[in-house]
C-alpha cells in the first residue's frame, strides 16, 4: 500500500476520529460514535481506500 494521505489530512482525520469515538462515552452515547475508527485508522496507516480508487493523493510528491 502506497501512502495517499498527507500531513494535514492525517491530522484532521485523527481529530475527527477521536471526536466521534468520544461520543460513545460522552454526549449522546450511541454506538454510531464507533464509526470514528475509520478516519482514525486511515490517519494512523496513512492510506485511504477511496482515495486509491479515485486516484487522489494528498501526500507531497518527492
PDB file of N, CA and C in Angstrom:
ATOM      1  N   UNK A   1       0.844  -1.183   0.000  1.00  0.00           N
ATOM      2  CA  UNK A   1       0.000   0.000   0.000  1.00  0.00           C
ATOM      3  C   UNK A   1       0.886   1.242   0.000  1.00  0.00           C
ATOM      4  N   UNK A   2       0.659   2.071  -0.955  1.00  0.00           N
ATOM      5  CA  UNK A   2       1.377   3.339  -1.039  1.00  0.00           C
ATOM      6  C   UNK A   2       0.565   4.394  -0.282  1.00  0.00           C
ATOM      7  N   UNK A   3       1.238   5.195   0.525  1.00  0.00           N
ATOM      8  CA  UNK A   3       0.531   6.229   1.288  1.00  0.00           C
ATOM      9  C   UNK A   3      -0.106   7.243   0.339  1.00  0.00           C
ATOM     10  N   UNK A   4      -1.330   7.614   0.641  1.00  0.00           N
ATOM     11  CA  UNK A   4      -2.020   8.613  -0.170  1.00  0.00           C
ATOM     12  C   UNK A   4      -2.704   9.679   0.690  1.00  0.00           C
ATOM     13  N   UNK A   5      -2.402   9.693   1.988  1.00  0.00           N
ATOM     14  CA  UNK A   5      -2.980  10.679   2.895  1.00  0.00           C
ATOM     15  C   UNK A   5      -1.848  11.538   3.456  1.00  0.00           C
ATOM     16  N   UNK A   6      -1.896  12.834   3.183  1.00  0.00           N
ATOM     17  CA  UNK A   6      -0.847  13.762   3.604  1.00  0.00           C
ATOM     18  C   UNK A   6      -0.981  14.212   5.051  1.00  0.00           C
ATOM     19  N   UNK A   7      -0.070  15.075   5.480  1.00  0.00           N
ATOM     20  CA  UNK A   7       0.034  15.511   6.866  1.00  0.00           C
ATOM     21  C   UNK A   7      -1.191  16.201   7.429  1.00  0.00           C
ATOM     22  N   UNK A   8      -1.669  17.231   6.745  1.00  0.00           N
ATOM     23  CA  UNK A   8      -2.840  17.969   7.243  1.00  0.00           C
ATOM     24  C   UNK A   8      -4.072  17.068   7.205  1.00  0.00           C
ATOM     25  N   UNK A   9      -4.203  16.299   6.144  1.00  0.00           N
ATOM     26  CA  UNK A   9      -5.318  15.368   6.002  1.00  0.00           C
ATOM     27  C   UNK A   9      -5.297  14.337   7.132  1.00  0.00           C
ATOM     28  N   UNK A  10      -4.115  13.831   7.459  1.00  0.00           N
ATOM     29  CA  UNK A  10      -3.986  12.841   8.540  1.00  0.00           C
ATOM     30  C   UNK A  10      -4.376  13.455   9.881  1.00  0.00           C
ATOM     31  N   UNK A  11      -3.938  14.671  10.143  1.00  0.00           N
ATOM     32  CA  UNK A  11      -4.258  15.332  11.406  1.00  0.00           C
ATOM     33  C   UNK A  11      -5.763  15.552  11.540  1.00  0.00           C
ATOM     34  N   UNK A  12      -6.392  16.024  10.472  1.00  0.00           N
ATOM     35  CA  UNK A  12      -7.841  16.252  10.516  1.00  0.00           C
ATOM     36  C   UNK A  12      -8.606  14.948  10.709  1.00  0.00           C
ATOM     37  N   UNK A  13      -8.161  13.887  10.036  1.00  0.00           N
ATOM     38  CA  UNK A  13      -8.810  12.581  10.195  1.00  0.00           C
ATOM     39  C   UNK A  13      -8.673  12.080  11.624  1.00  0.00           C
ATOM     40  N   UNK A  14      -7.499  12.256  12.219  1.00  0.00           N
ATOM     41  CA  UNK A  14      -7.274  11.806  13.597  1.00  0.00           C
ATOM     42  C   UNK A  14      -8.183  12.567  14.561  1.00  0.00           C
ATOM     43  N   UNK A  15      -8.290  13.870  14.380  1.00  0.00           N
ATOM     44  CA  UNK A  15      -9.140  14.684  15.251  1.00  0.00           C
ATOM     45  C   UNK A  15     -10.603  14.273  15.117  1.00  0.00           C
ATOM     46  N   UNK A  16     -11.070  14.125  13.881  1.00  0.00           N
ATOM     47  CA  UNK A  16     -12.463  13.727  13.644  1.00  0.00           C
ATOM     48  C   UNK A  16     -12.722  12.346  14.247  1.00  0.00           C
ATOM     49  N   UNK A  17     -11.789  11.426  14.052  1.00  0.00           N
ATOM     50  CA  UNK A  17     -11.948  10.080  14.599  1.00  0.00           C
ATOM     51  C   UNK A  17     -12.048  10.073  16.113  1.00  0.00           C
ATOM     52  N   UNK A  18     -11.175  10.823  16.764  1.00  0.00           N
ATOM     53  CA  UNK A  18     -11.189  10.886  18.226  1.00  0.00           C
ATOM     54  C   UNK A  18     -12.472  11.527  18.742  1.00  0.00           C
ATOM     55  N   UNK A  19     -12.919  12.586  18.069  1.00  0.00           N
ATOM     56  CA  UNK A  19     -14.173  13.246  18.473  1.00  0.00           C
ATOM     57  C   UNK A  19     -15.346  12.283  18.330  1.00  0.00           C
ATOM     58  N   UNK A  20     -15.414  11.566  17.216  1.00  0.00           N
ATOM     59  CA  UNK A  20     -16.526  10.631  17.017  1.00  0.00           C
ATOM     60  C   UNK A  20     -16.501   9.499  18.039  1.00  0.00           C
ATOM     61  N   UNK A  21     -15.320   8.960  18.317  1.00  0.00           N
ATOM     62  CA  UNK A  21     -15.223   7.885  19.302  1.00  0.00           C
ATOM     63  C   UNK A  21     -15.589   8.402  20.694  1.00  0.00           C
ATOM     64  N   UNK A  22     -15.240   9.645  20.992  1.00  0.00           N
ATOM     65  CA  UNK A  22     -15.583  10.206  22.309  1.00  0.00           C
ATOM     66  C   UNK A  22     -17.096  10.309  22.497  1.00  0.00           C
ATOM     67  N   UNK A  23     -17.846  10.391  21.404  1.00  0.00           N
ATOM     68  CA  UNK A  23     -19.307  10.459  21.505  1.00  0.00           C
ATOM     69  C   UNK A  23     -19.905   9.181  22.082  1.00  0.00           C
ATOM     70  N   UNK A  24     -19.151   8.080  22.016  1.00  0.00           N
ATOM     71  CA  UNK A  24     -19.626   6.831  22.598  1.00  0.00           C
ATOM     72  C   UNK A  24     -19.659   6.940  24.122  1.00  0.00           C
ATOM     73  N   UNK A  25     -18.730   7.713  24.668  1.00  0.00           N
ATOM     74  CA  UNK A  25     -18.599   7.796  26.120  1.00  0.00           C
ATOM     75  C   UNK A  25     -19.247   9.041  26.722  1.00  0.00           C
ATOM     76  N   UNK A  26     -19.238  10.147  25.976  1.00  0.00           N
ATOM     77  CA  UNK A  26     -19.876  11.381  26.443  1.00  0.00           C
ATOM     78  C   UNK A  26     -20.798  11.885  25.343  1.00  0.00           C
ATOM     79  N   UNK A  27     -21.721  12.699  25.674  1.00  0.00           N
ATOM     80  CA  UNK A  27     -22.653  13.205  24.669  1.00  0.00           C
ATOM     81  C   UNK A  27     -23.824  12.248  24.512  1.00  0.00           C
ATOM     82  N   UNK A  28     -24.243  11.988  23.271  1.00  0.00           N
ATOM     83  CA  UNK A  28     -25.437  11.157  23.059  1.00  0.00           C
ATOM     84  C   UNK A  28     -25.239   9.682  23.429  1.00  0.00           C
ATOM     85  N   UNK A  29     -24.009   9.232  23.575  1.00  0.00           N
ATOM     86  CA  UNK A  29     -23.665   7.866  23.965  1.00  0.00           C
ATOM     87  C   UNK A  29     -24.354   6.804  23.101  1.00  0.00           C
ATOM     88  N   UNK A  30     -24.209   6.935  21.802  1.00  0.00           N
ATOM     89  CA  UNK A  30     -24.742   5.934  20.883  1.00  0.00           C
ATOM     90  C   UNK A  30     -23.582   5.165  20.258  1.00  0.00           C
ATOM     91  N   UNK A  31     -23.887   4.015  19.721  1.00  0.00           N
ATOM     92  CA  UNK A  31     -22.847   3.190  19.097  1.00  0.00           C
ATOM     93  C   UNK A  31     -22.353   3.777  17.774  1.00  0.00           C
ATOM     94  N   UNK A  32     -23.052   4.748  17.238  1.00  0.00           N
ATOM     95  CA  UNK A  32     -22.628   5.372  15.981  1.00  0.00           C
ATOM     96  C   UNK A  32     -21.286   6.065  16.102  1.00  0.00           C
ATOM     97  N   UNK A  33     -20.885   6.394  17.299  1.00  0.00           N
ATOM     98  CA  UNK A  33     -19.585   7.022  17.516  1.00  0.00           C
ATOM     99  C   UNK A  33     -18.425   6.130  17.106  1.00  0.00           C
ATOM    100  N   UNK A  34     -18.647   4.815  17.110  1.00  0.00           N
ATOM    101  CA  UNK A  34     -17.577   3.884  16.723  1.00  0.00           C
ATOM    102  C   UNK A  34     -17.203   4.014  15.254  1.00  0.00           C
ATOM    103  N   UNK A  35     -17.997   4.721  14.465  1.00  0.00           N
ATOM    104  CA  UNK A  35     -17.635   4.977  13.065  1.00  0.00           C
ATOM    105  C   UNK A  35     -16.341   5.789  13.000  1.00  0.00           C
ATOM    106  N   UNK A  36     -15.972   6.424  14.104  1.00  0.00           N
ATOM    107  CA  UNK A  36     -14.736   7.188  14.182  1.00  0.00           C
ATOM    108  C   UNK A  36     -13.489   6.342  14.037  1.00  0.00           C
ATOM    109  N   UNK A  37     -13.627   5.028  14.161  1.00  0.00           N
ATOM    110  CA  UNK A  37     -12.485   4.129  13.969  1.00  0.00           C
ATOM    111  C   UNK A  37     -11.964   4.228  12.539  1.00  0.00           C
ATOM    112  N   UNK A  38     -12.848   4.484  11.590  1.00  0.00           N
ATOM    113  CA  UNK A  38     -12.437   4.539  10.176  1.00  0.00           C
ATOM    114  C   UNK A  38     -11.503   5.720   9.904  1.00  0.00           C
ATOM    115  N   UNK A  39     -11.889   6.971  10.210  1.00  0.00           N
ATOM    116  CA  UNK A  39     -10.941   8.053   9.956  1.00  0.00           C
ATOM    117  C   UNK A  39      -9.686   7.967  10.820  1.00  0.00           C
ATOM    118  N   UNK A  40      -9.820   7.471  12.044  1.00  0.00           N
ATOM    119  CA  UNK A  40      -8.649   7.326  12.901  1.00  0.00           C
ATOM    120  C   UNK A  40      -7.695   6.270  12.329  1.00  0.00           C
ATOM    121  N   UNK A  41      -8.241   5.175  11.844  1.00  0.00           N
ATOM    122  CA  UNK A  41      -7.419   4.124  11.238  1.00  0.00           C
ATOM    123  C   UNK A  41      -6.707   4.590   9.986  1.00  0.00           C
ATOM    124  N   UNK A  42      -7.410   5.322   9.132  1.00  0.00           N
ATOM    125  CA  UNK A  42      -6.760   5.816   7.914  1.00  0.00           C
ATOM    126  C   UNK A  42      -5.703   6.856   8.237  1.00  0.00           C
ATOM    127  N   UNK A  43      -5.894   7.600   9.327  1.00  0.00           N
ATOM    128  CA  UNK A  43      -4.872   8.565   9.748  1.00  0.00           C
ATOM    129  C   UNK A  43      -3.630   7.845  10.251  1.00  0.00           C
ATOM    130  N   UNK A  44      -3.823   6.756  10.970  1.00  0.00           N
ATOM    131  CA  UNK A  44      -2.697   6.013  11.525  1.00  0.00           C
ATOM    132  C   UNK A  44      -1.877   5.342  10.433  1.00  0.00           C
ATOM    133  N   UNK A  45      -2.546   4.681   9.483  1.00  0.00           N
ATOM    134  CA  UNK A  45      -1.798   3.956   8.446  1.00  0.00           C
ATOM    135  C   UNK A  45      -1.417   4.834   7.256  1.00  0.00           C
ATOM    136  N   UNK A  46      -2.094   5.973   7.096  1.00  0.00           N
ATOM    137  CA  UNK A  46      -1.756   6.895   6.008  1.00  0.00           C
ATOM    138  C   UNK A  46      -2.241   6.457   4.647  1.00  0.00           C
ATOM    139  N   UNK A  47      -3.227   5.569   4.619  1.00  0.00           N
ATOM    140  CA  UNK A  47      -3.760   5.076   3.351  1.00  0.00           C
ATOM    141  C   UNK A  47      -5.276   5.054   3.411  1.00  0.00           C
ATOM    142  N   UNK A  48      -5.915   5.583   2.372  1.00  0.00           N
ATOM    143  CA  UNK A  48      -7.367   5.647   2.309  1.00  0.00           C
ATOM    144  C   UNK A  48      -7.835   4.893   1.059  1.00  0.00           C
ATOM    145  N   UNK A  49      -8.609   3.802   1.215  1.00  0.00           N
ATOM    146  CA  UNK A  49      -9.063   3.033   0.055  1.00  0.00           C
ATOM    147  C   UNK A  49      -9.841   3.849  -0.984  1.00  0.00           C
ATOM    148  N   UNK A  50     -10.799   4.721  -0.582  1.00  0.00           N
ATOM    149  CA  UNK A  50     -11.493   5.513  -1.605  1.00  0.00           C
ATOM    150  C   UNK A  50     -10.543   6.430  -2.390  1.00  0.00           C
ATOM    151  N   UNK A  51      -9.526   6.974  -1.712  1.00  0.00           N
ATOM    152  CA  UNK A  51      -8.546   7.796  -2.418  1.00  0.00           C
ATOM    153  C   UNK A  51      -7.849   6.968  -3.493  1.00  0.00           C
ATOM    154  N   UNK A  52      -7.527   5.722  -3.180  1.00  0.00           N
ATOM    155  CA  UNK A  52      -6.862   4.852  -4.155  1.00  0.00           C
ATOM    156  C   UNK A  52      -7.759   4.588  -5.353  1.00  0.00           C
ATOM    157  N   UNK A  53      -9.024   4.316  -5.094  1.00  0.00           N
ATOM    158  CA  UNK A  53      -9.967   4.045  -6.184  1.00  0.00           C
ATOM    159  C   UNK A  53     -10.158   5.258  -7.095  1.00  0.00           C
ATOM    160  N   UNK A  54     -10.141   6.444  -6.499  1.00  0.00           N
ATOM    161  CA  UNK A  54     -10.362   7.665  -7.268  1.00  0.00           C
ATOM    162  C   UNK A  54      -9.074   8.302  -7.778  1.00  0.00           C
ATOM    163  N   UNK A  55      -7.926   7.740  -7.408  1.00  0.00           N
ATOM    164  CA  UNK A  55      -6.646   8.279  -7.862  1.00  0.00           C
ATOM    165  C   UNK A  55      -6.251   9.576  -7.185  1.00  0.00           C
ATOM    166  N   UNK A  56      -6.716   9.781  -5.957  1.00  0.00           N
ATOM    167  CA  UNK A  56      -6.426  11.003  -5.216  1.00  0.00           C
ATOM    168  C   UNK A  56      -5.265  10.751  -4.259  1.00  0.00           C
ATOM    169  N   UNK A  57      -4.406  11.742  -4.091  1.00  0.00           N
ATOM    170  CA  UNK A  57      -3.350  11.667  -3.098  1.00  0.00           C
ATOM    171  C   UNK A  57      -3.097  13.071  -2.544  1.00  0.00           C
ATOM    172  N   UNK A  58      -3.072  13.173  -1.209  1.00  0.00           N
ATOM    173  CA  UNK A  58      -2.790  14.453  -0.584  1.00  0.00           C
ATOM    174  C   UNK A  58      -1.365  14.495  -0.047  1.00  0.00           C
ATOM    175  N   UNK A  59      -0.582  13.469  -0.366  1.00  0.00           N
ATOM    176  CA  UNK A  59       0.844  13.450   0.021  1.00  0.00           C
ATOM    177  C   UNK A  59       1.631  14.361  -0.887  1.00  0.00           C
ATOM    178  N   UNK A  60       2.665  14.959  -0.322  1.00  0.00           N
ATOM    179  CA  UNK A  60       3.555  15.769  -1.134  1.00  0.00           C
ATOM    180  C   UNK A  60       4.392  14.857  -2.018  1.00  0.00           C
ATOM    181  N   UNK A  61       4.636  15.265  -3.249  1.00  0.00           N
ATOM    182  CA  UNK A  61       5.475  14.476  -4.145  1.00  0.00           C
ATOM    183  C   UNK A  61       6.940  14.691  -3.789  1.00  0.00           C
ATOM    184  N   UNK A  62       7.714  13.627  -3.914  1.00  0.00           N
ATOM    185  CA  UNK A  62       9.131  13.706  -3.540  1.00  0.00           C
ATOM    186  C   UNK A  62       9.995  13.792  -4.756  1.00  0.00           C
TER     187      UNK A  62
END
